[in-house]
């Protein structure tokens, strides 16, 4: 007689799929894809409610907080998807103004009402030679960090200019596009600044430590650079040094 085992409510684990011969990363990618499909309409509805400006100040603040949490969830899902299935970098010439125009509303929506988003883009910039999706993700990470650093409100300023990068080992560096995200928040002391950008290090109590480390890795994959300037109570500026299509600019 074969004894029937009672049904179990446990979901198949990564080890189950590995022992069955399937790739656990494919399972993870599938889960993240489903998660994003569920999250997208939630963000859409919240943004619609936010745009109506209907409700008490307390209710509107809760909507702002929900949108912020939803965007953080999308960032975390993107990190997991990168781990599951890294895609090749696809750089192309991109105008910075065209990059920021559709992003401005989304970035502003994740900031609390007492934080203002400002843009300061130099005139006649050459195209940046970048993977648009990667830079968009980097900016989202940095704006979320800036919000977390300013519990009392203030300004988040995104600037873009054509400059020479900081001194490095490579001789005769060409000018690059410096895309910066600056806040006027709590800033970092010297020890924190040394650790910033390292994997698994986070200045937040609930952070994953993936934010700045991910941004650094994204810049390196594009042939760009990453630098931080910060001091306690003086805010933080993150510089993304992007390759520029200077030949196109000269023409």
Protein backbone atom coordinates (compact mmCIF):
# COMPACT_ATOMS: atom_id res chain seq x y z
CA UNK A 1 0.00 0.00 0.00
CA UNK A 2 1.25 3.44 -0.92
CA UNK A 3 0.68 6.01 1.75
CA UNK A 4 -0.46 9.34 0.31
CA UNK A 5 1.48 12.29 1.66
CA UNK A 6 -0.53 15.27 2.87
CA UNK A 7 -0.46 18.26 0.53
CA UNK A 8 2.00 20.99 1.34
CA UNK A 9 1.54 24.73 0.92
CA UNK A 10 5.27 25.36 0.54
CA UNK A 11 6.30 27.06 -2.70
CA UNK A 12 9.06 25.34 -4.69
CA UNK A 13 12.39 26.73 -3.53
CA UNK A 14 15.44 27.68 -5.57
CA UNK A 15 17.04 24.41 -4.43
CA UNK A 16 14.02 22.46 -5.71
CA UNK A 17 14.41 23.99 -9.16
CA UNK A 18 18.16 23.48 -9.16
CA UNK A 19 17.80 19.79 -8.29
CA UNK A 20 15.18 19.44 -11.03
CA UNK A 21 17.68 20.70 -13.58
CA UNK A 22 16.16 24.15 -14.20
CA UNK A 23 18.01 27.43 -13.80
CA UNK A 24 17.13 29.20 -10.51
CA UNK A 25 17.90 32.53 -12.17
CA UNK A 26 15.14 31.93 -14.70
CA UNK A 27 12.75 31.32 -11.81
CA UNK A 28 13.85 34.56 -10.16
CA UNK A 29 13.46 36.52 -13.40
CA UNK A 30 9.95 35.13 -13.84
CA UNK A 31 8.97 36.10 -10.29
CA UNK A 32 10.35 39.62 -10.70
CA UNK A 33 8.50 40.01 -14.00
CA UNK A 34 5.20 39.03 -12.36
CA UNK A 35 5.94 41.34 -9.43
CA UNK A 36 6.50 44.29 -11.77
CA UNK A 37 3.26 43.53 -13.61
CA UNK A 38 1.40 43.73 -10.30
CA UNK A 39 3.22 46.88 -9.20
CA UNK A 40 2.73 48.93 -12.38
CA UNK A 41 -1.05 49.51 -12.04
CA UNK A 42 -0.59 50.34 -8.36
CA UNK A 43 1.87 53.11 -9.23
CA UNK A 44 -0.42 54.36 -12.02
CA UNK A 45 -3.44 54.62 -9.71
CA UNK A 46 -1.42 56.34 -6.97
CA UNK A 47 -0.02 58.89 -9.42
CA UNK A 48 -3.55 59.60 -10.68
CA UNK A 49 -4.73 60.20 -7.10
CA UNK A 50 -1.71 62.39 -6.45
CA UNK A 51 -2.46 64.49 -9.54
CA UNK A 52 -6.03 65.22 -8.43
CA UNK A 53 -4.86 67.00 -5.23
CA UNK A 54 -8.09 65.91 -3.53
CA UNK A 55 -8.13 65.09 0.17
CA UNK A 56 -6.72 66.36 3.43
CA UNK A 57 -3.03 67.19 3.76
CA UNK A 58 -2.61 64.02 5.82
CA UNK A 59 -4.21 61.89 3.09
CA UNK A 60 -2.10 63.50 0.37
CA UNK A 61 1.03 62.88 2.42
CA UNK A 62 0.11 59.20 2.70
CA UNK A 63 -0.31 59.01 -1.08
CA UNK A 64 3.13 60.60 -1.54
CA UNK A 65 4.62 58.06 0.85
CA UNK A 66 2.94 55.16 -0.94
CA UNK A 67 4.33 56.31 -4.31
CA UNK A 68 7.79 56.58 -2.79
CA UNK A 69 7.59 53.04 -1.41
CA UNK A 70 6.32 51.73 -4.74
CA UNK A 71 9.24 53.28 -6.60
CA UNK A 72 11.67 51.78 -4.08
CA UNK A 73 10.07 48.40 -4.73
CA UNK A 74 10.56 48.86 -8.48
CA UNK A 75 14.23 49.71 -7.93
CA UNK A 76 14.72 46.61 -5.79
CA UNK A 77 12.97 44.49 -8.42
CA UNK A 78 15.32 45.90 -11.06
CA UNK A 79 18.32 44.92 -8.93
CA UNK A 80 16.99 41.38 -8.64
CA UNK A 81 16.34 41.19 -12.37
CA UNK A 82 19.90 42.32 -13.08
CA UNK A 83 21.15 39.53 -10.85
CA UNK A 84 18.93 36.99 -12.60
CA UNK A 85 19.65 37.97 -16.19
CA UNK A 86 22.28 40.57 -16.93
CA UNK A 87 21.73 42.16 -20.34
CA UNK A 88 24.49 43.61 -22.52
CA UNK A 89 25.09 47.35 -22.31
CA UNK A 90 23.70 49.16 -25.37
CA UNK A 91 25.18 52.68 -25.53
CA UNK A 92 23.89 55.21 -28.03
CA UNK A 93 24.08 59.02 -28.45
CA UNK A 94 21.53 60.63 -26.11
CA UNK A 95 20.83 64.31 -25.52
CA UNK A 96 20.71 65.02 -21.78
CA UNK A 97 17.66 67.28 -22.10
CA UNK A 98 15.81 64.51 -23.94
CA UNK A 99 16.85 62.08 -21.21
CA UNK A 100 15.58 64.27 -18.38
CA UNK A 101 12.38 65.64 -19.94
CA UNK A 102 10.25 62.48 -19.51
CA UNK A 103 11.94 61.68 -16.17
CA UNK A 104 11.32 65.00 -14.43
CA UNK A 105 7.71 64.28 -13.47
CA UNK A 106 8.49 60.76 -12.25
CA UNK A 107 11.45 61.93 -10.18
CA UNK A 108 9.46 64.80 -8.66
CA UNK A 109 6.63 62.41 -7.73
CA UNK A 110 8.85 60.38 -5.40
CA UNK A 111 9.93 63.47 -3.44
CA UNK A 112 7.99 64.64 -0.41
CA UNK A 113 6.03 67.91 -0.74
CA UNK A 114 8.70 69.88 1.15
CA UNK A 115 11.46 68.85 -1.30
CA UNK A 116 11.83 70.72 -4.60
CA UNK A 117 13.42 69.27 -7.74
CA UNK A 118 15.52 71.72 -9.77
CA UNK A 119 17.22 71.22 -13.14
CA UNK A 120 20.25 73.19 -14.32
CA UNK A 121 21.32 71.95 -17.76
CA UNK A 122 24.07 73.73 -19.70
CA UNK A 123 23.27 74.96 -23.18
CA UNK A 124 24.62 73.20 -26.28
CA UNK A 125 25.80 70.01 -24.61
CA UNK A 126 27.11 67.27 -26.91
CA UNK A 127 25.25 63.96 -26.86
CA UNK A 128 26.22 61.52 -24.11
CA UNK A 129 27.18 58.04 -25.33
CA UNK A 130 25.20 56.00 -22.82
CA UNK A 131 22.70 53.24 -22.25
CA UNK A 132 19.58 55.32 -21.55
CA UNK A 133 17.92 52.74 -19.28
CA UNK A 134 20.99 52.38 -17.10
CA UNK A 135 21.39 56.13 -16.57
CA UNK A 136 17.66 56.51 -15.84
CA UNK A 137 18.02 53.85 -13.14
CA UNK A 138 21.09 55.56 -11.72
CA UNK A 139 19.21 58.87 -11.46
CA UNK A 140 16.26 57.18 -9.77
CA UNK A 141 18.60 55.62 -7.21
CA UNK A 142 20.28 58.96 -6.50
CA UNK A 143 17.05 60.94 -6.15
CA UNK A 144 15.71 58.34 -3.70
CA UNK A 145 18.94 58.66 -1.69
CA UNK A 146 18.64 62.46 -1.74
CA UNK A 147 15.10 62.29 -0.39
CA UNK A 148 16.20 60.00 2.44
CA UNK A 149 18.98 62.46 3.34
CA UNK A 150 16.60 65.43 3.71
CA UNK A 151 14.01 64.65 6.40
CA UNK A 152 13.43 68.38 6.89
CA UNK A 153 13.04 69.17 3.19
CA UNK A 154 15.11 71.28 0.83
CA UNK A 155 16.25 71.19 -2.80
CA UNK A 156 17.43 68.35 -5.01
CA UNK A 157 19.33 69.81 -7.95
CA UNK A 158 20.22 67.91 -11.11
CA UNK A 159 22.90 69.66 -13.18
CA UNK A 160 24.66 68.77 -16.43
CA UNK A 161 27.77 70.38 -17.91
CA UNK A 162 30.74 69.52 -20.12
CA UNK A 163 33.88 69.35 -17.96
CA UNK A 164 37.17 67.55 -17.48
CA UNK A 165 36.84 64.63 -15.04
CA UNK A 166 38.85 64.49 -11.80
CA UNK A 167 42.52 63.53 -12.05
CA UNK A 168 43.02 59.86 -12.78
CA UNK A 169 45.70 57.45 -13.87
CA UNK A 170 44.72 57.69 -17.52
CA UNK A 171 46.71 60.45 -19.25
CA UNK A 172 45.06 63.31 -21.09
CA UNK A 173 41.40 62.69 -20.23
CA UNK A 174 38.85 64.14 -22.61
CA UNK A 175 35.98 66.25 -21.43
CA UNK A 176 32.96 64.31 -20.23
CA UNK A 177 29.41 65.22 -19.36
CA UNK A 178 29.13 65.67 -15.60
CA UNK A 179 25.58 64.76 -14.59
CA UNK A 180 25.17 65.59 -10.90
CA UNK A 181 22.53 65.05 -8.25
CA UNK A 182 22.99 67.35 -5.25
CA UNK A 183 21.01 67.57 -2.02
CA UNK A 184 21.21 69.86 0.99
CA UNK A 185 20.70 67.09 3.50
CA UNK A 186 22.60 65.62 6.42
CA UNK A 187 25.75 64.83 4.43
CA UNK A 188 28.40 62.23 5.28
CA UNK A 189 31.43 62.27 7.54
CA UNK A 190 34.85 61.18 6.30
CA UNK A 191 34.48 57.53 7.35
CA UNK A 192 31.03 57.19 5.79
CA UNK A 193 32.27 58.86 2.61
CA UNK A 194 35.09 56.29 2.34
CA UNK A 195 32.57 53.43 2.57
CA UNK A 196 29.94 54.95 0.28
CA UNK A 197 29.57 53.04 -2.95
CA UNK A 198 30.80 49.76 -1.47
CA UNK A 199 28.46 46.74 -1.73
CA UNK A 200 26.33 45.98 1.35
CA UNK A 201 27.04 49.36 2.94
CA UNK A 202 24.07 51.62 3.59
CA UNK A 203 23.63 54.84 5.54
CA UNK A 204 19.91 54.08 5.95
CA UNK A 205 18.41 51.91 8.64
CA UNK A 206 16.36 49.95 6.09
CA UNK A 207 18.62 50.20 3.07
CA UNK A 208 20.01 47.29 1.11
CA UNK A 209 23.38 48.89 0.39
CA UNK A 210 22.72 48.38 -3.32
CA UNK A 211 22.05 52.00 -4.30
CA UNK A 212 25.43 53.71 -4.68
CA UNK A 213 27.24 50.43 -5.36
CA UNK A 214 24.85 49.80 -8.25
CA UNK A 215 25.32 53.33 -9.59
CA UNK A 216 29.10 52.91 -9.48
CA UNK A 217 28.89 49.62 -11.35
CA UNK A 218 26.56 51.13 -13.97
CA UNK A 219 28.99 53.97 -14.63
CA UNK A 220 31.92 51.58 -14.99
CA UNK A 221 29.96 49.46 -17.48
CA UNK A 222 29.42 52.59 -19.61
CA UNK A 223 33.08 53.61 -19.54
CA UNK A 224 32.18 56.51 -17.27
CA UNK A 225 33.16 57.54 -13.76
CA UNK A 226 31.55 58.13 -10.39
CA UNK A 227 32.53 60.57 -7.65
CA UNK A 228 31.06 61.81 -4.37
CA UNK A 229 31.48 65.11 -2.54
CA UNK A 230 29.95 65.42 0.91
CA UNK A 231 30.36 66.88 4.38
CA UNK A 232 28.24 66.70 7.54
CA UNK A 233 25.28 69.12 7.45
CA UNK A 234 26.40 70.40 4.02
CA UNK A 235 24.69 67.88 1.81
CA UNK A 236 25.97 65.43 -0.79
CA UNK A 237 26.72 65.72 -4.49
CA UNK A 238 27.02 62.61 -6.66
CA UNK A 239 28.73 63.15 -10.01
CA UNK A 240 28.11 60.78 -12.91
CA UNK A 241 30.82 61.30 -15.52
CA UNK A 242 29.37 60.21 -18.85
CA UNK A 243 31.25 59.65 -22.13
CA UNK A 244 30.45 62.43 -24.61
CA UNK A 245 30.24 62.32 -28.40
CA UNK A 246 32.58 65.26 -28.88
CA UNK A 247 32.95 64.59 -32.62
CA UNK A 248 29.21 65.11 -33.07
CA UNK A 249 29.48 68.27 -30.96
CA UNK A 250 32.27 69.67 -33.15
CA UNK A 251 30.24 69.04 -36.29
